[in-house]
Amino acid sequence: KMKAIGWAGKTLEQVLEDVDQCCHALSQRLGTQPYFFNKQPTELDA
């Protein structure tokens, strides 16, 4: 599966960088709200 999606050749450092980018995007979207869409949780929060 990793080969099919182009991840097989990645180094661990590159994978961790992807995780960081994902967390950065999530952190920016969340901001200071309690949940991603403000006051009520959705399946994204879960």
All heavy atoms as atom14 arrays in JSON, in Angstrom:
{
  "sequence": "KMKAIGWAGKTLEQVLEDVDQCCHALSQRLGTQPYFFNKQPTELDA",
  "atom14_mask": [
    [1, 1, 1, 1, 1, 1, 1, 1, 1, 0, 0, 0, 0, 0],
    [1, 1, 1, 1, 1, 1, 1, 1, 0, 0, 0, 0, 0, 0],
    [1, 1, 1, 1, 1, 1, 1, 1, 1, 0, 0, 0, 0, 0],
    [1, 1, 1, 1, 1, 0, 0, 0, 0, 0, 0, 0, 0, 0],
    [1, 1, 1, 1, 1, 1, 1, 1, 0, 0, 0, 0, 0, 0],
    [1, 1, 1, 1, 0, 0, 0, 0, 0, 0, 0, 0, 0, 0],
    [1, 1, 1, 1, 1, 1, 1, 1, 1, 1, 1, 1, 1, 1],
    [1, 1, 1, 1, 1, 0, 0, 0, 0, 0, 0, 0, 0, 0],
    [1, 1, 1, 1, 0, 0, 0, 0, 0, 0, 0, 0, 0, 0],
    [1, 1, 1, 1, 1, 1, 1, 1, 1, 0, 0, 0, 0, 0],
    [1, 1, 1, 1, 1, 1, 1, 0, 0, 0, 0, 0, 0, 0],
    [1, 1, 1, 1, 1, 1, 1, 1, 0, 0, 0, 0, 0, 0],
    [1, 1, 1, 1, 1, 1, 1, 1, 1, 0, 0, 0, 0, 0],
    [1, 1, 1, 1, 1, 1, 1, 1, 1, 0, 0, 0, 0, 0],
    [1, 1, 1, 1, 1, 1, 1, 0, 0, 0, 0, 0, 0, 0],
    [1, 1, 1, 1, 1, 1, 1, 1, 0, 0, 0, 0, 0, 0],
    [1, 1, 1, 1, 1, 1, 1, 1, 1, 0, 0, 0, 0, 0],
    [1, 1, 1, 1, 1, 1, 1, 1, 0, 0, 0, 0, 0, 0],
    [1, 1, 1, 1, 1, 1, 1, 0, 0, 0, 0, 0, 0, 0],
    [1, 1, 1, 1, 1, 1, 1, 1, 0, 0, 0, 0, 0, 0],
    [1, 1, 1, 1, 1, 1, 1, 1, 1, 0, 0, 0, 0, 0],
    [1, 1, 1, 1, 1, 1, 0, 0, 0, 0, 0, 0, 0, 0],
    [1, 1, 1, 1, 1, 1, 0, 0, 0, 0, 0, 0, 0, 0],
    [1, 1, 1, 1, 1, 1, 1, 1, 1, 1, 0, 0, 0, 0],
    [1, 1, 1, 1, 1, 0, 0, 0, 0, 0, 0, 0, 0, 0],
    [1, 1, 1, 1, 1, 1, 1, 1, 0, 0, 0, 0, 0, 0],
    [1, 1, 1, 1, 1, 1, 0, 0, 0, 0, 0, 0, 0, 0],
    [1, 1, 1, 1, 1, 1, 1, 1, 1, 0, 0, 0, 0, 0],
    [1, 1, 1, 1, 1, 1, 1, 1, 1, 1, 1, 0, 0, 0],
    [1, 1, 1, 1, 1, 1, 1, 1, 0, 0, 0, 0, 0, 0],
    [1, 1, 1, 1, 0, 0, 0, 0, 0, 0, 0, 0, 0, 0],
    [1, 1, 1, 1, 1, 1, 1, 0, 0, 0, 0, 0, 0, 0],
    [1, 1, 1, 1, 1, 1, 1, 1, 1, 0, 0, 0, 0, 0],
    [1, 1, 1, 1, 1, 1, 1, 0, 0, 0, 0, 0, 0, 0],
    [1, 1, 1, 1, 1, 1, 1, 1, 1, 1, 1, 1, 0, 0],
    [1, 1, 1, 1, 1, 1, 1, 1, 1, 1, 1, 0, 0, 0],
    [1, 1, 1, 1, 1, 1, 1, 1, 1, 1, 1, 0, 0, 0],
    [1, 1, 1, 1, 1, 1, 1, 1, 0, 0, 0, 0, 0, 0],
    [1, 1, 1, 1, 1, 1, 1, 1, 1, 0, 0, 0, 0, 0],
    [1, 1, 1, 1, 1, 1, 1, 1, 1, 0, 0, 0, 0, 0],
    [1, 1, 1, 1, 1, 1, 1, 0, 0, 0, 0, 0, 0, 0],
    [1, 1, 1, 1, 1, 1, 1, 0, 0, 0, 0, 0, 0, 0],
    [1, 1, 1, 1, 1, 1, 1, 1, 1, 0, 0, 0, 0, 0],
    [1, 1, 1, 1, 1, 1, 1, 1, 0, 0, 0, 0, 0, 0],
    [1, 1, 1, 1, 1, 1, 1, 1, 0, 0, 0, 0, 0, 0],
    [1, 1, 1, 1, 1, 0, 0, 0, 0, 0, 0, 0, 0, 0]
  ],
  "atom14_positions": [
    [[0.84, -1.2, 0.0], [0.0, 0.0, 0.0], [0.87, 1.26, 0.0], [0.61, 2.22, -0.72], [-0.92, -0.01, 1.24], [-1.84, 1.2, 1.3], [-2.56, 1.32, 2.62], [-3.28, 2.66, 2.68], [-3.91, 2.93, 3.97], [0.0, 0.0, 0.0], [0.0, 0.0, 0.0], [0.0, 0.0, 0.0], [0.0, 0.0, 0.0], [0.0, 0.0, 0.0]],
    [[1.95, 1.24, 0.82], [2.85, 2.4, 0.89], [3.49, 2.68, -0.47], [3.67, 3.82, -0.88], [3.95, 2.15, 1.93], [3.45, 2.13, 3.36], [2.8, 3.74, 3.9], [1.81, 3.23, 5.28], [0.0, 0.0, 0.0], [0.0, 0.0, 0.0], [0.0, 0.0, 0.0], [0.0, 0.0, 0.0], [0.0, 0.0, 0.0], [0.0, 0.0, 0.0]],
    [[3.82, 1.6, -1.17], [4.42, 1.74, -2.51], [3.41, 2.4, -3.45], [3.74, 3.3, -4.22], [4.8, 0.36, -3.03], [5.94, 0.36, -4.02], [6.44, -1.06, -4.24], [7.61, -1.0, -5.22], [8.17, -2.34, -5.45], [0.0, 0.0, 0.0], [0.0, 0.0, 0.0], [0.0, 0.0, 0.0], [0.0, 0.0, 0.0], [0.0, 0.0, 0.0]],
    [[2.17, 1.94, -3.36], [1.11, 2.43, -4.26], [0.84, 3.92, -4.06], [0.52, 4.63, -5.02], [-0.18, 1.63, -4.04], [0.0, 0.0, 0.0], [0.0, 0.0, 0.0], [0.0, 0.0, 0.0], [0.0, 0.0, 0.0], [0.0, 0.0, 0.0], [0.0, 0.0, 0.0], [0.0, 0.0, 0.0], [0.0, 0.0, 0.0], [0.0, 0.0, 0.0]],
    [[0.98, 4.42, -2.82], [0.67, 5.84, -2.57], [1.94, 6.71, -2.54], [1.88, 7.89, -2.21], [-0.14, 6.03, -1.26], [0.64, 5.52, -0.05], [-1.49, 5.35, -1.37], [-0.02, 5.85, 1.29], [0.0, 0.0, 0.0], [0.0, 0.0, 0.0], [0.0, 0.0, 0.0], [0.0, 0.0, 0.0], [0.0, 0.0, 0.0], [0.0, 0.0, 0.0]],
    [[3.08, 6.09, -2.85], [4.33, 6.86, -2.96], [5.04, 7.13, -1.64], [5.87, 8.02, -1.55], [0.0, 0.0, 0.0], [0.0, 0.0, 0.0], [0.0, 0.0, 0.0], [0.0, 0.0, 0.0], [0.0, 0.0, 0.0], [0.0, 0.0, 0.0], [0.0, 0.0, 0.0], [0.0, 0.0, 0.0], [0.0, 0.0, 0.0], [0.0, 0.0, 0.0]],
    [[4.71, 6.35, -0.61], [5.36, 6.54, 0.7], [6.52, 5.58, 0.94], [7.27, 5.75, 1.9], [4.34, 6.38, 1.83], [3.53, 7.61, 2.1], [2.78, 8.32, 1.2], [3.37, 8.29, 3.36], [2.16, 9.38, 1.81], [2.5, 9.39, 3.15], [3.85, 8.06, 4.65], [2.12, 10.26, 4.16], [3.46, 8.93, 5.67], [2.61, 10.01, 5.42]],
    [[6.65, 4.55, 0.11], [7.64, 3.5, 0.39], [9.07, 4.05, 0.42], [9.9, 3.59, 1.2], [7.53, 2.39, -0.65], [0.0, 0.0, 0.0], [0.0, 0.0, 0.0], [0.0, 0.0, 0.0], [0.0, 0.0, 0.0], [0.0, 0.0, 0.0], [0.0, 0.0, 0.0], [0.0, 0.0, 0.0], [0.0, 0.0, 0.0], [0.0, 0.0, 0.0]],
    [[9.33, 5.06, -0.4], [10.68, 5.61, -0.47], [10.97, 6.71, 0.54], [12.07, 7.26, 0.57], [0.0, 0.0, 0.0], [0.0, 0.0, 0.0], [0.0, 0.0, 0.0], [0.0, 0.0, 0.0], [0.0, 0.0, 0.0], [0.0, 0.0, 0.0], [0.0, 0.0, 0.0], [0.0, 0.0, 0.0], [0.0, 0.0, 0.0], [0.0, 0.0, 0.0]],
    [[9.98, 7.03, 1.37], [10.19, 8.13, 2.33], [11.09, 7.69, 3.48], [11.08, 6.53, 3.88], [8.85, 8.59, 2.91], [8.0, 9.38, 1.92], [6.86, 10.08, 2.64], [6.02, 10.89, 1.65], [5.1, 11.8, 2.32], [0.0, 0.0, 0.0], [0.0, 0.0, 0.0], [0.0, 0.0, 0.0], [0.0, 0.0, 0.0], [0.0, 0.0, 0.0]],
    [[11.83, 8.66, 4.01], [12.6, 8.41, 5.23], [11.71, 8.71, 6.43], [10.66, 9.38, 6.29], [13.83, 9.33, 5.31], [13.36, 10.69, 5.38], [14.73, 9.16, 4.09], [0.0, 0.0, 0.0], [0.0, 0.0, 0.0], [0.0, 0.0, 0.0], [0.0, 0.0, 0.0], [0.0, 0.0, 0.0], [0.0, 0.0, 0.0], [0.0, 0.0, 0.0]],
    [[12.11, 8.25, 7.6], [11.34, 8.53, 8.81], [11.26, 10.03, 9.05], [10.21, 10.55, 9.47], [12.0, 7.83, 10.02], [11.27, 7.98, 11.36], [9.83, 7.48, 11.28], [12.02, 7.24, 12.46], [0.0, 0.0, 0.0], [0.0, 0.0, 0.0], [0.0, 0.0, 0.0], [0.0, 0.0, 0.0], [0.0, 0.0, 0.0], [0.0, 0.0, 0.0]],
    [[12.35, 10.75, 8.74], [12.35, 12.22, 8.91], [11.28, 12.87, 8.04], [10.59, 13.79, 8.48], [13.73, 12.8, 8.56], [14.81, 12.57, 9.6], [15.18, 11.09, 9.74], [15.14, 10.36, 8.72], [15.48, 10.66, 10.88], [0.0, 0.0, 0.0], [0.0, 0.0, 0.0], [0.0, 0.0, 0.0], [0.0, 0.0, 0.0], [0.0, 0.0, 0.0]],
    [[11.15, 12.4, 6.8], [10.13, 12.97, 5.89], [8.72, 12.68, 6.41], [7.83, 13.53, 6.32], [10.31, 12.38, 4.48], [11.53, 12.93, 3.76], [11.8, 12.19, 2.46], [11.72, 10.96, 2.4], [12.12, 12.92, 1.41], [0.0, 0.0, 0.0], [0.0, 0.0, 0.0], [0.0, 0.0, 0.0], [0.0, 0.0, 0.0], [0.0, 0.0, 0.0]],
    [[8.52, 11.48, 6.95], [7.2, 11.11, 7.49], [6.87, 11.99, 8.7], [5.75, 12.49, 8.83], [7.17, 9.61, 7.87], [5.91, 9.28, 8.66], [7.23, 8.75, 6.6], [0.0, 0.0, 0.0], [0.0, 0.0, 0.0], [0.0, 0.0, 0.0], [0.0, 0.0, 0.0], [0.0, 0.0, 0.0], [0.0, 0.0, 0.0], [0.0, 0.0, 0.0]],
    [[7.86, 12.2, 9.57], [7.64, 13.05, 10.74], [7.36, 14.5, 10.31], [6.57, 15.2, 10.95], [8.85, 13.0, 11.67], [9.06, 11.66, 12.4], [10.42, 11.62, 13.08], [7.95, 11.4, 13.42], [0.0, 0.0, 0.0], [0.0, 0.0, 0.0], [0.0, 0.0, 0.0], [0.0, 0.0, 0.0], [0.0, 0.0, 0.0], [0.0, 0.0, 0.0]],
    [[7.98, 14.93, 9.22], [7.72, 16.27, 8.69], [6.27, 16.37, 8.19], [5.6, 17.38, 8.39], [8.71, 16.57, 7.55], [8.6, 17.97, 6.95], [8.68, 19.1, 8.0], [9.48, 19.0, 8.95], [7.93, 20.08, 7.84], [0.0, 0.0, 0.0], [0.0, 0.0, 0.0], [0.0, 0.0, 0.0], [0.0, 0.0, 0.0], [0.0, 0.0, 0.0]],
    [[5.78, 15.31, 7.55], [4.37, 15.27, 7.12], [3.43, 15.38, 8.31], [2.42, 16.07, 8.27], [4.08, 13.96, 6.37], [4.66, 13.95, 4.96], [4.97, 15.03, 4.44], [4.78, 12.85, 4.39], [0.0, 0.0, 0.0], [0.0, 0.0, 0.0], [0.0, 0.0, 0.0], [0.0, 0.0, 0.0], [0.0, 0.0, 0.0], [0.0, 0.0, 0.0]],
    [[3.77, 14.66, 9.39], [2.96, 14.71, 10.62], [2.94, 16.14, 11.16], [1.89, 16.65, 11.56], [3.5, 13.73, 11.68], [2.84, 13.96, 13.04], [3.28, 12.28, 11.23], [0.0, 0.0, 0.0], [0.0, 0.0, 0.0], [0.0, 0.0, 0.0], [0.0, 0.0, 0.0], [0.0, 0.0, 0.0], [0.0, 0.0, 0.0], [0.0, 0.0, 0.0]],
    [[4.1, 16.77, 11.16], [4.2, 18.14, 11.65], [3.33, 19.09, 10.82], [2.63, 19.95, 11.36], [5.66, 18.61, 11.63], [5.82, 19.99, 12.26], [5.47, 20.13, 13.45], [6.26, 20.92, 11.56], [0.0, 0.0, 0.0], [0.0, 0.0, 0.0], [0.0, 0.0, 0.0], [0.0, 0.0, 0.0], [0.0, 0.0, 0.0], [0.0, 0.0, 0.0]],
    [[3.37, 18.93, 9.49], [2.56, 19.78, 8.61], [1.06, 19.57, 8.88], [0.28, 20.53, 8.9], [2.87, 19.47, 7.15], [4.19, 20.04, 6.69], [4.46, 19.76, 5.22], [3.64, 19.17, 4.53], [5.61, 20.18, 4.74], [0.0, 0.0, 0.0], [0.0, 0.0, 0.0], [0.0, 0.0, 0.0], [0.0, 0.0, 0.0], [0.0, 0.0, 0.0]],
    [[0.68, 18.32, 9.09], [-0.73, 18.01, 9.39], [-1.13, 18.67, 10.71], [-2.19, 19.3, 10.81], [-0.92, 16.51, 9.45], [-2.61, 16.0, 9.82], [0.0, 0.0, 0.0], [0.0, 0.0, 0.0], [0.0, 0.0, 0.0], [0.0, 0.0, 0.0], [0.0, 0.0, 0.0], [0.0, 0.0, 0.0], [0.0, 0.0, 0.0], [0.0, 0.0, 0.0]],
    [[-0.28, 18.52, 11.74], [-0.58, 19.12, 13.05], [-0.64, 20.65, 12.95], [-1.49, 21.28, 13.59], [0.48, 18.71, 14.08], [0.36, 16.99, 14.58], [0.0, 0.0, 0.0], [0.0, 0.0, 0.0], [0.0, 0.0, 0.0], [0.0, 0.0, 0.0], [0.0, 0.0, 0.0], [0.0, 0.0, 0.0], [0.0, 0.0, 0.0], [0.0, 0.0, 0.0]],
    [[0.24, 21.23, 12.14], [0.23, 22.68, 11.95], [-1.11, 23.14, 11.35], [-1.72, 24.1, 11.83], [1.4, 23.09, 11.04], [1.48, 24.56, 10.81], [1.91, 25.45, 11.78], [1.15, 25.33, 9.73], [1.86, 26.69, 11.3], [1.39, 26.65, 10.06], [0.0, 0.0, 0.0], [0.0, 0.0, 0.0], [0.0, 0.0, 0.0], [0.0, 0.0, 0.0]],
    [[-1.58, 22.41, 10.33], [-2.86, 22.75, 9.68], [-4.02, 22.61, 10.68], [-4.9, 23.47, 10.74], [-3.09, 21.86, 8.47], [0.0, 0.0, 0.0], [0.0, 0.0, 0.0], [0.0, 0.0, 0.0], [0.0, 0.0, 0.0], [0.0, 0.0, 0.0], [0.0, 0.0, 0.0], [0.0, 0.0, 0.0], [0.0, 0.0, 0.0], [0.0, 0.0, 0.0]],
    [[-4.0, 21.54, 11.46], [-5.06, 21.32, 12.45], [-5.03, 22.39, 13.54], [-6.06, 22.91, 13.96], [-4.92, 19.93, 13.09], [-5.2, 18.73, 12.19], [-4.8, 17.43, 12.89], [-6.67, 18.67, 11.78], [0.0, 0.0, 0.0], [0.0, 0.0, 0.0], [0.0, 0.0, 0.0], [0.0, 0.0, 0.0], [0.0, 0.0, 0.0], [0.0, 0.0, 0.0]],
    [[-3.82, 22.72, 13.98], [-3.66, 23.74, 15.03], [-4.19, 25.09, 14.56], [-4.87, 25.79, 15.31], [-2.17, 23.85, 15.41], [-1.97, 24.9, 16.32], [0.0, 0.0, 0.0], [0.0, 0.0, 0.0], [0.0, 0.0, 0.0], [0.0, 0.0, 0.0], [0.0, 0.0, 0.0], [0.0, 0.0, 0.0], [0.0, 0.0, 0.0], [0.0, 0.0, 0.0]],
    [[-3.89, 25.44, 13.31], [-4.37, 26.72, 12.77], [-5.89, 26.74, 12.66], [-6.53, 27.75, 12.95], [-3.72, 26.97, 11.41], [-2.25, 27.34, 11.52], [-1.82, 28.26, 10.4], [-1.98, 27.93, 9.24], [-1.26, 29.41, 10.73], [0.0, 0.0, 0.0], [0.0, 0.0, 0.0], [0.0, 0.0, 0.0], [0.0, 0.0, 0.0], [0.0, 0.0, 0.0]],
    [[-6.46, 25.61, 12.22], [-7.93, 25.54, 12.07], [-8.63, 25.62, 13.43], [-9.66, 26.25, 13.58], [-8.32, 24.24, 11.35], [-9.85, 24.08, 11.18], [-10.39, 25.16, 10.24], [-11.84, 25.17, 10.13], [-12.69, 25.72, 11.0], [-12.23, 26.3, 12.1], [-13.97, 25.73, 10.78], [0.0, 0.0, 0.0], [0.0, 0.0, 0.0], [0.0, 0.0, 0.0]],
    [[-8.03, 24.96, 14.42], [-8.63, 24.95, 15.76], [-8.52, 26.31, 16.42], [-9.49, 26.81, 17.0], [-7.96, 23.88, 16.63], [-8.5, 23.71, 18.05], [-9.95, 23.21, 18.03], [-7.62, 22.74, 18.84], [0.0, 0.0, 0.0], [0.0, 0.0, 0.0], [0.0, 0.0, 0.0], [0.0, 0.0, 0.0], [0.0, 0.0, 0.0], [0.0, 0.0, 0.0]],
    [[-7.34, 26.92, 16.33], [-7.12, 28.22, 16.96], [-7.42, 28.17, 18.46], [-6.97, 27.27, 19.15], [0.0, 0.0, 0.0], [0.0, 0.0, 0.0], [0.0, 0.0, 0.0], [0.0, 0.0, 0.0], [0.0, 0.0, 0.0], [0.0, 0.0, 0.0], [0.0, 0.0, 0.0], [0.0, 0.0, 0.0], [0.0, 0.0, 0.0], [0.0, 0.0, 0.0]],
    [[-8.22, 29.12, 18.93], [-8.56, 29.16, 20.37], [-9.95, 28.59, 20.65], [-10.46, 28.7, 21.76], [-8.51, 30.61, 20.88], [-9.41, 31.4, 20.08], [-7.11, 31.19, 20.76], [0.0, 0.0, 0.0], [0.0, 0.0, 0.0], [0.0, 0.0, 0.0], [0.0, 0.0, 0.0], [0.0, 0.0, 0.0], [0.0, 0.0, 0.0], [0.0, 0.0, 0.0]],
    [[-10.58, 27.98, 19.63], [-11.92, 27.41, 19.82], [-11.83, 26.12, 20.63], [-10.83, 25.42, 20.59], [-12.55, 27.08, 18.46], [-12.64, 28.24, 17.5], [-13.18, 27.78, 16.16], [-14.25, 28.22, 15.76], [-12.47, 26.91, 15.47], [0.0, 0.0, 0.0], [0.0, 0.0, 0.0], [0.0, 0.0, 0.0], [0.0, 0.0, 0.0], [0.0, 0.0, 0.0]],
    [[-12.91, 25.76, 21.33], [-12.9, 24.47, 22.04], [-12.93, 23.29, 21.07], [-12.35, 22.24, 21.35], [-14.17, 24.52, 22.9], [-15.03, 25.58, 22.3], [-14.12, 26.56, 21.62], [0.0, 0.0, 0.0], [0.0, 0.0, 0.0], [0.0, 0.0, 0.0], [0.0, 0.0, 0.0], [0.0, 0.0, 0.0], [0.0, 0.0, 0.0], [0.0, 0.0, 0.0]],
    [[-13.62, 23.45, 19.94], [-13.71, 22.38, 18.94], [-13.47, 23.0, 17.56], [-13.45, 24.21, 17.39], [-15.09, 21.71, 18.97], [-15.4, 21.1, 20.32], [-16.32, 21.7, 21.19], [-14.75, 19.95, 20.74], [-16.59, 21.16, 22.43], [-15.0, 19.4, 22.0], [-15.92, 20.0, 22.84], [-16.17, 19.47, 24.07], [0.0, 0.0, 0.0], [0.0, 0.0, 0.0]],
    [[-13.31, 22.14, 16.55], [-12.94, 22.64, 15.22], [-14.02, 23.53, 14.61], [-13.72, 24.41, 13.82], [-12.59, 21.48, 14.29], [-11.22, 20.93, 14.57], [-11.05, 19.83, 15.4], [-10.09, 21.55, 14.05], [-9.78, 19.34, 15.69], [-8.82, 21.08, 14.34], [-8.66, 19.97, 15.16], [0.0, 0.0, 0.0], [0.0, 0.0, 0.0], [0.0, 0.0, 0.0]],
    [[-15.27, 23.27, 14.97], [-16.34, 24.15, 14.49], [-17.01, 24.82, 15.69], [-18.21, 24.68, 15.93], [-17.32, 23.37, 13.6], [-16.7, 22.98, 12.29], [-16.05, 21.76, 12.16], [-16.69, 23.86, 11.21], [-15.43, 21.41, 10.96], [-16.08, 23.52, 10.01], [-15.45, 22.29, 9.89], [0.0, 0.0, 0.0], [0.0, 0.0, 0.0], [0.0, 0.0, 0.0]],
    [[-16.16, 25.46, 16.48], [-16.53, 26.28, 17.63], [-17.06, 25.51, 18.83], [-16.31, 24.76, 19.44], [-17.48, 27.41, 17.21], [-17.41, 28.57, 18.19], [-16.62, 28.54, 19.13], [-18.23, 29.56, 18.0], [0.0, 0.0, 0.0], [0.0, 0.0, 0.0], [0.0, 0.0, 0.0], [0.0, 0.0, 0.0], [0.0, 0.0, 0.0], [0.0, 0.0, 0.0]],
    [[-18.35, 25.62, 19.15], [-18.8, 25.16, 20.48], [-19.2, 23.69, 20.56], [-19.27, 23.12, 21.63], [-19.99, 26.02, 20.94], [-19.63, 27.51, 21.05], [-19.99, 28.04, 22.42], [-19.44, 29.4, 22.77], [-19.29, 30.35, 21.67], [0.0, 0.0, 0.0], [0.0, 0.0, 0.0], [0.0, 0.0, 0.0], [0.0, 0.0, 0.0], [0.0, 0.0, 0.0]],
    [[-19.52, 23.09, 19.43], [-20.01, 21.7, 19.46], [-19.04, 20.77, 18.72], [-18.55, 21.11, 17.65], [-21.39, 21.62, 18.79], [-22.48, 22.37, 19.52], [-22.69, 21.86, 20.94], [-22.62, 20.66, 21.21], [-22.95, 22.78, 21.88], [0.0, 0.0, 0.0], [0.0, 0.0, 0.0], [0.0, 0.0, 0.0], [0.0, 0.0, 0.0], [0.0, 0.0, 0.0]],
    [[-18.79, 19.58, 19.28], [-17.9, 18.66, 18.57], [-18.59, 18.02, 17.36], [-19.81, 17.87, 17.33], [-17.6, 17.59, 19.63], [-18.78, 17.59, 20.53], [-19.28, 19.02, 20.55], [0.0, 0.0, 0.0], [0.0, 0.0, 0.0], [0.0, 0.0, 0.0], [0.0, 0.0, 0.0], [0.0, 0.0, 0.0], [0.0, 0.0, 0.0], [0.0, 0.0, 0.0]],
    [[-17.78, 17.68, 16.36], [-18.26, 16.93, 15.19], [-17.42, 15.67, 15.06], [-16.52, 15.43, 15.87], [-18.09, 17.76, 13.9], [-16.68, 17.99, 13.7], [-18.82, 19.09, 13.97], [0.0, 0.0, 0.0], [0.0, 0.0, 0.0], [0.0, 0.0, 0.0], [0.0, 0.0, 0.0], [0.0, 0.0, 0.0], [0.0, 0.0, 0.0], [0.0, 0.0, 0.0]],
    [[-17.7, 14.88, 14.03], [-16.89, 13.67, 13.82], [-15.42, 13.99, 13.56], [-14.54, 13.17, 13.83], [-17.47, 12.79, 12.71], [-17.82, 13.48, 11.43], [-19.3, 13.88, 11.36], [-19.86, 14.36, 12.37], [-19.89, 13.73, 10.27], [0.0, 0.0, 0.0], [0.0, 0.0, 0.0], [0.0, 0.0, 0.0], [0.0, 0.0, 0.0], [0.0, 0.0, 0.0]],
    [[-15.13, 15.21, 13.07], [-13.73, 15.61, 12.89], [-13.02, 15.65, 14.25], [-11.89, 15.18, 14.37], [-13.65, 16.98, 12.2], [-12.24, 17.6, 12.13], [-11.28, 16.74, 11.31], [-12.3, 19.03, 11.56], [0.0, 0.0, 0.0], [0.0, 0.0, 0.0], [0.0, 0.0, 0.0], [0.0, 0.0, 0.0], [0.0, 0.0, 0.0], [0.0, 0.0, 0.0]],
    [[-13.68, 16.2, 15.26], [-13.09, 16.28, 16.6], [-12.8, 14.87, 17.14], [-11.76, 14.62, 17.74], [-14.02, 17.02, 17.55], [-14.22, 18.47, 17.13], [-13.36, 19.3, 17.45], [-15.22, 18.75, 16.46], [0.0, 0.0, 0.0], [0.0, 0.0, 0.0], [0.0, 0.0, 0.0], [0.0, 0.0, 0.0], [0.0, 0.0, 0.0], [0.0, 0.0, 0.0]],
    [[-13.73, 13.94, 16.9], [-13.54, 12.56, 17.36], [-12.35, 11.92, 16.66], [-11.52, 11.26, 17.3], [-14.81, 11.75, 17.1], [0.0, 0.0, 0.0], [0.0, 0.0, 0.0], [0.0, 0.0, 0.0], [0.0, 0.0, 0.0], [0.0, 0.0, 0.0], [0.0, 0.0, 0.0], [0.0, 0.0, 0.0], [0.0, 0.0, 0.0], [0.0, 0.0, 0.0]]
  ]
}
